[in-house]
Protein backbone atom coordinates (compact mmCIF):
# COMPACT_ATOMS: atom_id res chain seq x y z
CA MET A 1 -12.79 11.47 -13.81
CA THR A 2 -16.00 11.17 -15.79
CA THR A 3 -16.23 10.69 -19.52
CA THR A 4 -18.75 13.06 -21.09
CA PHE A 5 -18.89 11.48 -24.53
CA ARG A 6 -19.95 8.07 -23.26
CA PRO A 7 -21.18 6.07 -26.30
CA ARG A 8 -17.62 5.30 -27.38
CA THR A 9 -16.55 4.01 -23.96
CA PRO A 10 -18.59 0.73 -23.89
CA ALA A 11 -17.42 -0.09 -27.42
CA LEU A 12 -13.80 0.53 -26.49
CA PHE A 13 -14.25 -1.58 -23.36
CA LEU A 14 -15.77 -4.56 -25.19
CA GLY A 15 -13.19 -4.34 -27.95
CA ASP A 16 -10.33 -4.27 -25.45
CA ILE A 17 -11.66 -7.39 -23.70
CA PHE A 18 -12.03 -9.22 -27.02
CA PHE A 19 -8.52 -8.37 -28.15
CA PHE A 20 -7.09 -9.28 -24.73
CA ALA A 21 -8.57 -12.77 -25.23
CA PHE A 22 -7.63 -12.99 -28.92
CA SER A 23 -4.07 -11.92 -28.06
CA LEU A 24 -3.89 -14.83 -25.61
CA TRP A 25 -4.90 -17.28 -28.37
CA VAL A 26 -2.35 -15.81 -30.79
CA SER A 27 0.37 -15.90 -28.12
CA LEU A 28 -0.31 -19.57 -27.38
CA PHE A 29 -0.05 -20.28 -31.10
CA LEU A 30 3.25 -18.40 -31.44
CA ARG A 31 4.75 -20.09 -28.38
CA ALA A 32 4.39 -23.60 -29.88
CA PHE A 33 3.65 -22.78 -33.54
CA GLU A 34 0.55 -24.94 -33.41
CA VAL A 35 -3.11 -24.15 -32.96
CA PRO A 36 -3.93 -24.34 -29.23
CA THR A 37 -6.52 -26.94 -28.35
CA GLY A 38 -9.70 -26.04 -26.56
CA PRO A 39 -8.56 -27.41 -23.16
CA VAL A 40 -5.19 -25.63 -23.40
CA PHE A 41 -6.81 -22.31 -24.29
CA ALA A 42 -9.43 -22.72 -21.55
CA ALA A 43 -6.76 -23.54 -18.94
CA HIS A 44 -5.07 -20.22 -19.71
CA LEU A 45 -8.23 -18.20 -20.27
CA VAL A 46 -9.58 -18.77 -16.75
CA PRO A 47 -6.70 -17.10 -14.87
CA PHE A 48 -6.15 -14.54 -17.62
CA SER A 49 -9.82 -13.52 -17.41
CA LEU A 50 -9.20 -12.37 -13.84
CA LEU A 51 -6.28 -10.34 -15.14
CA PHE A 52 -8.40 -8.84 -17.93
CA VAL A 53 -10.58 -7.16 -15.30
CA VAL A 54 -7.53 -5.65 -13.61
CA TRP A 55 -6.01 -4.64 -16.94
CA VAL A 56 -9.12 -2.74 -17.97
CA GLY A 57 -8.88 -0.94 -14.62
CA VAL A 58 -5.32 0.07 -15.52
CA PHE A 59 -6.61 1.39 -18.85
CA PHE A 60 -9.14 3.51 -16.98
CA ILE A 61 -6.53 4.81 -14.54
CA ILE A 62 -3.96 5.65 -17.18
CA GLY A 63 -6.54 7.58 -19.20
CA LEU A 64 -7.32 5.37 -22.21
CA TYR A 65 -11.07 5.87 -21.75
CA GLU A 66 -11.02 9.59 -20.94
CA SER A 67 -12.45 12.29 -23.18
CA ARG A 68 -9.56 14.38 -21.94
CA SER A 69 -6.91 12.19 -23.54
CA ILE A 70 -9.00 11.78 -26.70
CA LEU A 71 -9.48 15.52 -27.12
CA LEU A 72 -6.09 16.88 -26.19
CA ALA A 73 -3.88 14.00 -27.34
CA ARG A 74 -1.46 14.78 -24.51
CA ARG A 75 0.34 11.59 -25.26
CA ALA A 76 0.51 9.39 -28.33
CA LEU A 77 -1.81 6.39 -28.19
CA SER A 78 1.04 3.99 -28.85
CA SER A 79 3.26 5.18 -25.98
CA THR A 80 0.36 5.29 -23.52
CA LEU A 81 -0.81 1.84 -24.54
CA LEU A 82 2.71 0.42 -24.26
CA THR A 83 3.03 1.85 -20.75
CA ALA A 84 -0.29 0.28 -19.77
CA GLN A 85 0.65 -3.12 -21.18
CA VAL A 86 4.08 -3.16 -19.53
CA LEU A 87 2.37 -2.41 -16.21
CA ASN A 88 -0.17 -5.13 -16.95
CA LEU A 89 2.65 -7.58 -17.65
CA VAL A 90 4.19 -6.82 -14.25
CA ILE A 91 0.79 -7.36 -12.60
CA ALA A 92 0.41 -10.67 -14.43
CA ALA A 93 3.89 -11.85 -13.41
CA LEU A 94 3.17 -11.05 -9.76
CA PHE A 95 -0.24 -12.72 -10.02
CA PHE A 96 1.11 -16.05 -11.28
CA PHE A 97 3.99 -15.92 -8.79
CA LEU A 98 1.86 -15.12 -5.74
CA VAL A 99 -1.20 -17.21 -6.73
CA PRO A 100 0.27 -20.48 -8.10
CA ILE A 101 -3.02 -22.37 -8.00
CA PHE A 102 -3.69 -22.57 -11.72
CA GLY A 103 -0.90 -24.99 -12.58
CA ILE A 104 0.73 -22.75 -15.19
CA ALA A 105 3.83 -20.56 -15.07
CA PRO A 106 3.65 -18.64 -18.34
CA LYS A 107 7.00 -16.84 -18.30
CA THR A 108 7.73 -16.99 -22.03
CA LEU A 109 4.06 -16.61 -22.84
CA LEU A 110 3.85 -13.32 -20.94
CA PHE A 111 6.58 -11.70 -23.00
CA ILE A 112 5.03 -12.94 -26.24
CA TYR A 113 1.70 -11.68 -24.98
CA LEU A 114 3.12 -8.21 -24.27
CA VAL A 115 4.13 -7.79 -27.92
CA VAL A 116 1.03 -9.39 -29.41
CA SER A 117 -1.48 -7.60 -27.19
CA PHE A 118 0.21 -4.25 -27.74
CA LEU A 119 0.04 -4.61 -31.52
CA LEU A 120 -3.50 -5.99 -31.64
CA VAL A 121 -5.03 -3.52 -29.17
CA LEU A 122 -3.24 -0.68 -30.96
CA PHE A 123 -4.68 -1.96 -34.26
CA TRP A 124 -8.13 -2.11 -32.67
CA ARG A 125 -8.01 1.40 -31.26
CA ALA A 126 -6.17 3.18 -34.07
CA VAL A 127 -7.65 1.39 -37.12
CA LEU A 128 -10.70 -0.77 -36.46
CA PHE A 129 -12.50 1.47 -33.98
CA PRO A 130 -12.39 4.57 -36.24
CA TRP A 131 -13.43 2.38 -39.20
CA LEU A 132 -16.58 1.30 -37.34
CA GLY A 133 -17.74 4.90 -37.40
CA LEU A 134 -18.21 5.09 -33.64
CA GLN A 135 -15.84 8.05 -33.53
CA LYS A 136 -17.90 10.09 -35.95
CA ALA A 137 -18.11 13.62 -34.60
CA GLU A 138 -21.57 14.78 -33.56
CA ASN A 139 -22.71 18.37 -33.85
CA ALA A 140 -22.51 20.55 -30.76
CA LEU A 141 -23.89 24.02 -30.20
CA VAL A 142 -22.03 26.32 -27.83
CA VAL A 143 -23.95 28.95 -25.88
CA GLY A 144 -21.69 31.34 -24.02
CA SER A 145 -18.72 33.64 -24.36
CA SER A 146 -15.53 33.42 -22.31
CA PRO A 147 -11.81 32.74 -22.77
CA GLU A 148 -12.34 29.21 -21.41
CA ILE A 149 -15.05 28.50 -23.98
CA ASP A 150 -12.77 29.79 -26.75
CA GLU A 151 -10.04 27.48 -25.48
CA MET A 152 -12.39 24.50 -25.46
CA ILE A 153 -13.66 25.25 -28.97
CA ALA A 154 -10.07 25.38 -30.20
CA ALA A 155 -9.33 22.00 -28.55
CA LEU A 156 -12.36 20.38 -30.18
CA GLY A 157 -11.42 21.87 -33.52
CA SER A 158 -7.85 20.58 -33.49
CA ALA A 159 -8.42 17.19 -31.85
CA TYR A 160 -7.85 14.02 -33.85
CA HIS A 161 -11.18 12.16 -34.09
CA ALA A 162 -12.90 14.65 -31.79
CA PRO A 163 -16.22 13.29 -30.44
CA ALA A 164 -17.98 16.61 -31.12
CA ARG A 165 -17.91 19.20 -33.87
CA VAL A 166 -18.83 22.76 -32.96
CA ALA A 167 -21.58 23.65 -35.43
CA GLY A 168 -22.27 27.08 -34.02
CA VAL A 169 -21.45 29.50 -31.23
CA ILE A 170 -24.06 31.83 -29.76
CA ALA A 171 -22.86 34.69 -27.61
CA PRO A 172 -25.41 35.74 -24.94
CA VAL A 173 -25.55 39.38 -26.00
CA SER A 174 -29.23 39.62 -26.84
CA ASN A 175 -32.48 39.40 -24.92
CA SER A 176 -33.68 36.97 -27.59
CA LEU A 177 -31.07 34.35 -26.67
CA ALA A 178 -33.61 31.53 -26.41
CA ALA A 179 -34.98 32.28 -29.89
CA MET A 180 -31.44 32.34 -31.29
CA VAL A 181 -30.75 28.92 -29.79
CA VAL A 182 -34.01 27.51 -31.21
CA ASP A 183 -33.09 28.76 -34.68
CA ALA A 184 -29.57 27.34 -34.42
CA VAL A 185 -30.90 23.93 -33.30
CA GLU A 186 -33.23 23.79 -36.30
CA GLN A 187 -30.33 24.56 -38.65
CA SER A 188 -27.52 22.43 -37.21
CA HIS A 189 -29.42 19.59 -35.43
CA PRO A 190 -26.89 19.31 -32.57
CA ARG A 191 -26.49 16.29 -30.33
CA PHE A 192 -25.08 18.45 -27.52
CA ILE A 193 -25.61 21.99 -26.29
CA ILE A 194 -22.55 23.17 -24.36
CA ALA A 195 -23.84 26.03 -22.21
CA ASP A 196 -22.17 28.45 -19.82
CA PHE A 197 -24.71 28.17 -17.02
CA HIS A 198 -22.58 30.43 -14.84
CA ASP A 199 -23.64 33.29 -17.11
CA PRO A 200 -26.98 34.57 -15.71
CA ARG A 201 -28.21 35.37 -19.23
CA VAL A 202 -27.77 31.72 -20.24
CA SER A 203 -29.38 30.42 -17.05
CA ALA A 204 -32.33 32.75 -17.55
CA ALA A 205 -32.91 31.36 -21.04
CA PHE A 206 -32.88 27.69 -19.98
CA PRO A 207 -36.58 27.47 -18.94
CA GLU A 208 -37.45 28.15 -22.59
CA LEU A 209 -35.01 25.50 -23.82
CA TYR A 210 -35.42 22.48 -21.55
CA ASN A 211 -37.87 20.86 -23.98
CA PHE A 212 -34.85 20.02 -26.12
CA LEU A 213 -34.16 17.29 -23.55
CA LEU A 214 -37.25 15.47 -24.86
CA GLN A 215 -35.67 15.52 -28.33
CA GLY A 216 -32.59 13.69 -27.06
CA ILE A 217 -30.33 16.76 -27.00
CA ARG A 218 -27.93 16.75 -24.06
CA PHE A 219 -27.01 19.91 -22.17
CA LEU A 220 -23.41 20.03 -20.97
CA ASP A 221 -22.17 22.54 -18.40
CA SER A 222 -19.23 24.26 -20.11
CA ALA A 223 -17.34 24.62 -16.81
CA LEU A 224 -17.58 20.91 -15.99
CA LEU A 225 -16.64 19.96 -19.55
CA TYR A 226 -13.67 22.32 -19.35
CA GLU A 227 -12.48 20.57 -16.19
CA GLU A 228 -12.81 17.16 -17.82
CA VAL A 229 -11.01 18.17 -21.00
CA PHE A 230 -8.16 20.17 -19.49
CA GLY A 231 -7.90 18.76 -15.97
CA ARG A 232 -7.99 22.18 -14.38
CA VAL A 233 -10.53 24.59 -12.91
CA PRO A 234 -11.42 27.80 -14.77
CA LEU A 235 -10.09 30.42 -12.36
CA SER A 236 -12.60 32.97 -13.64
CA LEU A 237 -15.31 30.94 -11.87
CA VAL A 238 -13.55 30.62 -8.52
CA ASP A 239 -15.19 32.81 -5.90
CA PRO A 240 -16.42 32.27 -2.32
CA ALA A 241 -19.59 30.58 -3.60
CA TRP A 242 -17.55 28.16 -5.75
CA LEU A 243 -15.36 27.31 -2.77
CA ALA A 244 -18.38 26.69 -0.56
CA ARG A 245 -19.85 24.28 -3.14
CA ASN A 246 -16.71 22.43 -4.19
CA VAL A 247 -14.09 22.50 -1.43
CA SER A 248 -14.86 20.59 1.74
CA ARG A 249 -12.65 18.58 4.06
CA SER A 250 -15.57 16.79 5.69
CA ALA A 251 -16.38 15.08 2.40
CA HIS A 252 -13.09 13.18 2.58
CA VAL A 253 -13.31 11.67 6.08
CA LEU A 254 -12.66 8.15 4.74
CA TYR A 255 -10.27 9.12 1.99
CA ASP A 256 -7.86 11.10 4.19
CA PRO A 257 -6.90 8.27 6.61
CA LEU A 258 -6.69 5.78 3.73
CA LYS A 259 -4.40 8.09 1.82
CA ARG A 260 -2.23 8.59 4.89
CA SER A 261 -1.88 4.84 5.39
CA ILE A 262 -0.86 4.44 1.74
CA ASP A 263 1.63 7.30 2.08
CA VAL A 264 3.25 5.66 5.10
CA SER A 265 3.37 2.18 3.55
CA VAL A 266 4.79 3.28 0.19
CA ALA A 267 7.22 5.82 1.66
CA LEU A 268 8.54 3.30 4.18
CA VAL A 269 9.18 0.63 1.56
CA LEU A 270 10.69 3.00 -1.00
CA GLY A 271 12.63 4.89 1.66
CA VAL A 272 14.32 1.75 2.98
CA LEU A 273 15.04 0.37 -0.51
CA SER A 274 16.43 3.71 -1.67
CA LEU A 275 19.06 3.71 1.08
CA VAL A 276 21.10 1.43 -1.19
CA LEU A 277 21.49 4.34 -3.62
CA TYR A 278 22.52 6.95 -1.06
CA PRO A 279 26.28 6.13 -1.00
CA PHE A 280 26.53 6.24 -4.81
CA ILE A 281 24.62 9.53 -5.08
CA ALA A 282 26.60 11.07 -2.23
CA PHE A 283 29.90 9.99 -3.81
CA ALA A 284 28.95 11.52 -7.20
CA ILE A 285 27.89 14.83 -5.64
CA TYR A 286 31.03 15.09 -3.51
CA VAL A 287 33.45 14.16 -6.32
CA GLU A 288 32.09 16.87 -8.62
CA ASP A 289 32.68 19.89 -6.39
CA GLY A 290 33.35 18.74 -2.85
CA GLY A 291 30.23 20.48 -1.54
CA SER A 292 27.50 19.33 0.81
CA ILE A 293 25.51 16.23 -0.05
CA PHE A 294 22.11 17.33 1.20
CA ILE A 295 20.23 20.61 1.33
CA THR A 296 17.31 21.57 3.50
CA GLN A 297 14.81 24.32 2.78
CA GLU A 298 11.75 25.74 4.45
CA ARG A 299 8.48 25.22 2.57
CA ILE A 300 4.83 25.98 3.29
CA GLY A 301 2.69 22.95 4.02
CA GLU A 302 -0.81 22.03 5.13
CA GLY A 303 -2.64 24.82 6.91
CA GLY A 304 -0.01 27.34 5.80
CA ARG A 305 2.44 25.95 8.36
CA PRO A 306 6.15 25.96 7.44
CA PHE A 307 8.22 22.77 7.48
CA ARG A 308 11.64 21.73 6.24
CA ILE A 309 12.24 19.45 3.27
CA TYR A 310 15.39 17.44 2.58
CA LYS A 311 16.86 16.81 -0.87
CA PHE A 312 20.12 15.77 -2.47
CA ARG A 313 21.96 18.92 -3.60
CA THR A 314 21.63 19.52 -7.34
CA MET A 315 22.86 23.13 -7.57
CA THR A 316 26.12 24.91 -6.78
CA GLY A 317 24.80 25.92 -3.36
CA ASN A 318 21.69 26.55 -1.32
CA ASP A 319 20.25 30.07 -1.06
CA ASN A 320 17.22 28.80 0.90
CA GLY A 321 14.97 30.54 -1.59
CA LYS A 322 15.80 33.99 -0.21
CA TYR A 323 15.87 35.76 -3.54
CA GLY A 324 12.55 37.56 -3.35
CA ALA A 325 10.91 38.16 -6.71
CA GLY A 326 14.13 37.67 -8.66
CA GLY A 327 15.83 34.50 -9.81
CA THR A 328 18.58 32.53 -8.13
CA LYS A 329 22.20 32.97 -9.21
CA LEU A 330 22.95 29.33 -8.53
CA VAL A 331 23.28 26.87 -11.41
CA VAL A 332 22.50 23.18 -11.74
CA THR A 333 25.54 20.89 -11.53
CA ARG A 334 26.23 18.10 -14.00
CA VAL A 335 25.40 15.45 -11.41
CA GLY A 336 22.43 17.50 -10.32
CA HIS A 337 21.05 17.49 -13.86
CA TYR A 338 20.83 13.69 -13.89
CA LEU A 339 19.47 13.58 -10.36
CA ARG A 340 16.69 15.94 -11.37
CA ILE A 341 15.55 14.21 -14.55
CA SER A 342 15.51 10.87 -12.69
CA ARG A 343 13.89 12.44 -9.58
CA LEU A 344 16.58 10.80 -7.44
CA ASP A 345 17.26 14.15 -5.77
CA GLU A 346 13.85 13.85 -4.10
CA LEU A 347 14.47 10.49 -2.41
CA PRO A 348 15.15 12.09 1.01
CA GLN A 349 11.69 13.64 0.87
CA LEU A 350 10.24 10.19 1.43
CA TRP A 351 11.16 10.73 5.09
CA ASN A 352 9.10 13.95 4.99
CA VAL A 353 6.20 11.79 3.85
CA LEU A 354 6.74 9.40 6.75
CA MET A 355 6.78 12.33 9.20
CA GLY A 356 3.44 13.51 7.82
CA LYS A 357 4.65 16.80 6.39
CA LEU A 358 4.31 15.69 2.78
CA SER A 359 2.07 13.33 0.83
CA LEU A 360 3.00 11.28 -2.21
CA ILE A 361 0.37 13.18 -4.25
CA GLY A 362 -0.60 16.81 -3.79
CA PRO A 363 0.24 20.40 -4.72
CA ARG A 364 3.94 21.29 -4.94
CA PRO A 365 5.23 22.81 -1.67
CA GLU A 366 6.45 26.37 -2.25
CA LEU A 367 9.02 28.59 -0.56
CA PRO A 368 7.67 31.06 2.05
CA ALA A 369 8.84 34.14 0.10
CA LEU A 370 7.05 32.97 -3.02
CA VAL A 371 3.88 32.07 -1.11
CA ALA A 372 3.79 35.57 0.37
CA THR A 373 3.99 37.03 -3.14
CA TYR A 374 1.40 34.72 -4.65
CA GLU A 375 -1.12 35.19 -1.84
CA LYS A 376 -1.06 38.93 -2.54
CA GLU A 377 -1.30 38.62 -6.31
CA ILE A 378 -3.50 35.54 -6.88
CA PRO A 379 -6.99 35.32 -5.33
CA PHE A 380 -7.66 32.19 -3.28
CA TYR A 381 -4.07 30.94 -3.66
CA ALA A 382 -4.12 29.76 -0.03
CA VAL A 383 -6.83 27.20 -0.83
CA ARG A 384 -4.10 24.82 -2.01
CA HIS A 385 -2.85 24.73 1.60
CA LEU A 386 -6.03 22.99 2.78
CA ILE A 387 -4.28 19.68 2.07
CA LYS A 388 -0.75 18.33 2.37
CA PRO A 389 1.63 19.21 -0.46
CA GLY A 390 2.95 16.29 -2.49
CA LEU A 391 5.96 14.85 -4.27
CA SER A 392 3.91 14.76 -7.47
CA GLY A 393 0.59 16.17 -8.59
CA SER A 394 -1.57 17.32 -11.47
CA ALA A 395 0.26 20.61 -11.95
CA GLN A 396 3.67 18.89 -11.93
CA LEU A 397 2.46 16.45 -14.59
CA TYR A 398 0.47 18.60 -16.97
CA TYR A 399 1.89 22.10 -16.70
CA HIS A 400 5.41 22.52 -17.98
CA GLY A 401 5.91 26.25 -17.54
CA ASP A 402 6.80 25.78 -13.89
CA PRO A 403 8.80 28.80 -12.59
CA HIS A 404 11.73 27.07 -10.87
CA HIS A 405 13.70 29.29 -8.49
CA ALA A 406 11.89 32.50 -9.43
CA ALA A 407 8.57 34.21 -8.84
CA ASP A 408 6.19 34.08 -11.79
CA VAL A 409 2.62 35.09 -11.03
CA GLU A 410 1.07 34.10 -14.37
CA SER A 411 2.67 30.64 -14.45
CA THR A 412 1.65 30.07 -10.85
CA ARG A 413 -1.89 31.16 -11.66
CA MET A 414 -2.02 28.36 -14.23
CA LYS A 415 -0.56 25.89 -11.73
CA LEU A 416 -3.23 26.91 -9.22
CA SER A 417 -5.98 25.93 -11.68
CA TYR A 418 -4.56 22.37 -11.68
CA ASP A 419 -4.15 22.37 -7.90
CA LEU A 420 -7.76 23.44 -7.37
CA PHE A 421 -8.89 20.65 -9.70
CA TYR A 422 -7.04 18.19 -7.48
CA VAL A 423 -8.41 19.71 -4.27
CA LYS A 424 -11.94 19.41 -5.68
CA HIS A 425 -11.70 15.92 -7.19
CA ARG A 426 -9.10 14.23 -4.98
CA SER A 427 -9.68 10.52 -4.54
CA LEU A 428 -7.71 7.30 -4.37
CA SER A 429 -8.35 6.61 -8.07
CA LEU A 430 -7.08 10.07 -9.03
CA ASP A 431 -4.03 9.58 -6.81
CA LEU A 432 -3.32 6.21 -8.43
CA SER A 433 -3.70 7.74 -11.89
CA ILE A 434 -1.25 10.54 -11.07
CA GLY A 435 1.15 8.03 -9.53
CA ILE A 436 1.18 5.80 -12.63
CA LYS A 437 1.63 8.77 -14.94
CA THR A 438 4.46 10.07 -12.76
CA ILE A 439 6.26 6.73 -13.04
CA ARG A 440 5.74 6.78 -16.80
CA ARG A 441 7.13 10.31 -17.04
CA ILE A 442 10.23 9.37 -15.05
CA LEU A 443 10.88 6.22 -17.08
CA THR A 444 10.30 7.81 -20.48
CA ARG A 445 11.48 11.34 -19.63
CA SER A 446 8.42 12.63 -21.42
CA ASN A 447 5.48 14.82 -20.55
CA ALA A 448 2.45 13.07 -19.12
């Protein structure tokens, strides 16, 4: 994902690197309660410098450089940073275990470093960085009128340390739109003009406005900014032309086989390791009500083809989703509740991944009856079937109005906007980001 408000990103990056290194010095001091000598610090800095590069990559993946996380504050900075640093600690431990060529085995140091780096980087990002004034909001002028633009303006207005302040909104209702924009620029001196170029009235006015580029004013496409901020596609813009421009399987000829190889490798390892848990889960399910251990249901997969998924039973039965537009009468069992919040009920689906019916990351596979309803009610719903469904995905992470065991057209419409974002932007880095955030959500039982 790109970061539209870029000037803050290099400063954050350089500050993170500095505080990674400073945290190492402080940790060495705390380990021995004496100032580390130059040779001692250098001996540790060399291998840790290699880790710093990887750790910054984790920061990028987990969203600590994204405008999206800055604007929407989906997660508190402290909890996100702690997750990143715990993951970085695991990477460091594996690094020193698998590459023992540096002559150090910093077991105690790593745990000290986890605490020190978390506190210092948090201090840098939450206190020092705002104090430097690099987060000062710059004026933005909005040209356009749509529900998505209203939503984006509200997000900018309520965001903590938002990178842009909306100084004016111009609705394209007049033939003198260009003159209105010129007047507004003279009054508010914006750094950005956020324009709805999908509106023909706005596009027609641009030839009279492009000279603003020479004044250092940036034009931002409101639709692309909306995608970056919210992580979903504005459904009002999705039409055959949008699909032709943004949805293509041929553009992913290298990505698709790489993703499949990762799916097979990860599913095989996790599937074999998870077999240890099967007897305990099966015993708990059987003791509660004596019912079946597993359930199988038909779902719609890639290309609209049906396939069967396998899960541990978490409800009082299995109606196979044959409840039409109504809701199921089944209820979640006590054991099933814990299986669901820990995602252990989905362990058998790893074998679906191995068989190629599922991917680790992708849109949620739906029941045939629900798909039939949604394809009638929601335009272009079938686009999500261009790729394999997944165990986790953008919609599962970011949208929490998911209609479980019932048909809900409006909620599913919102889910589709996330699914289309994934179909458009899918990549290994996006998959890795979703995977890390899924692990964090499972471990913390929080929203992503």
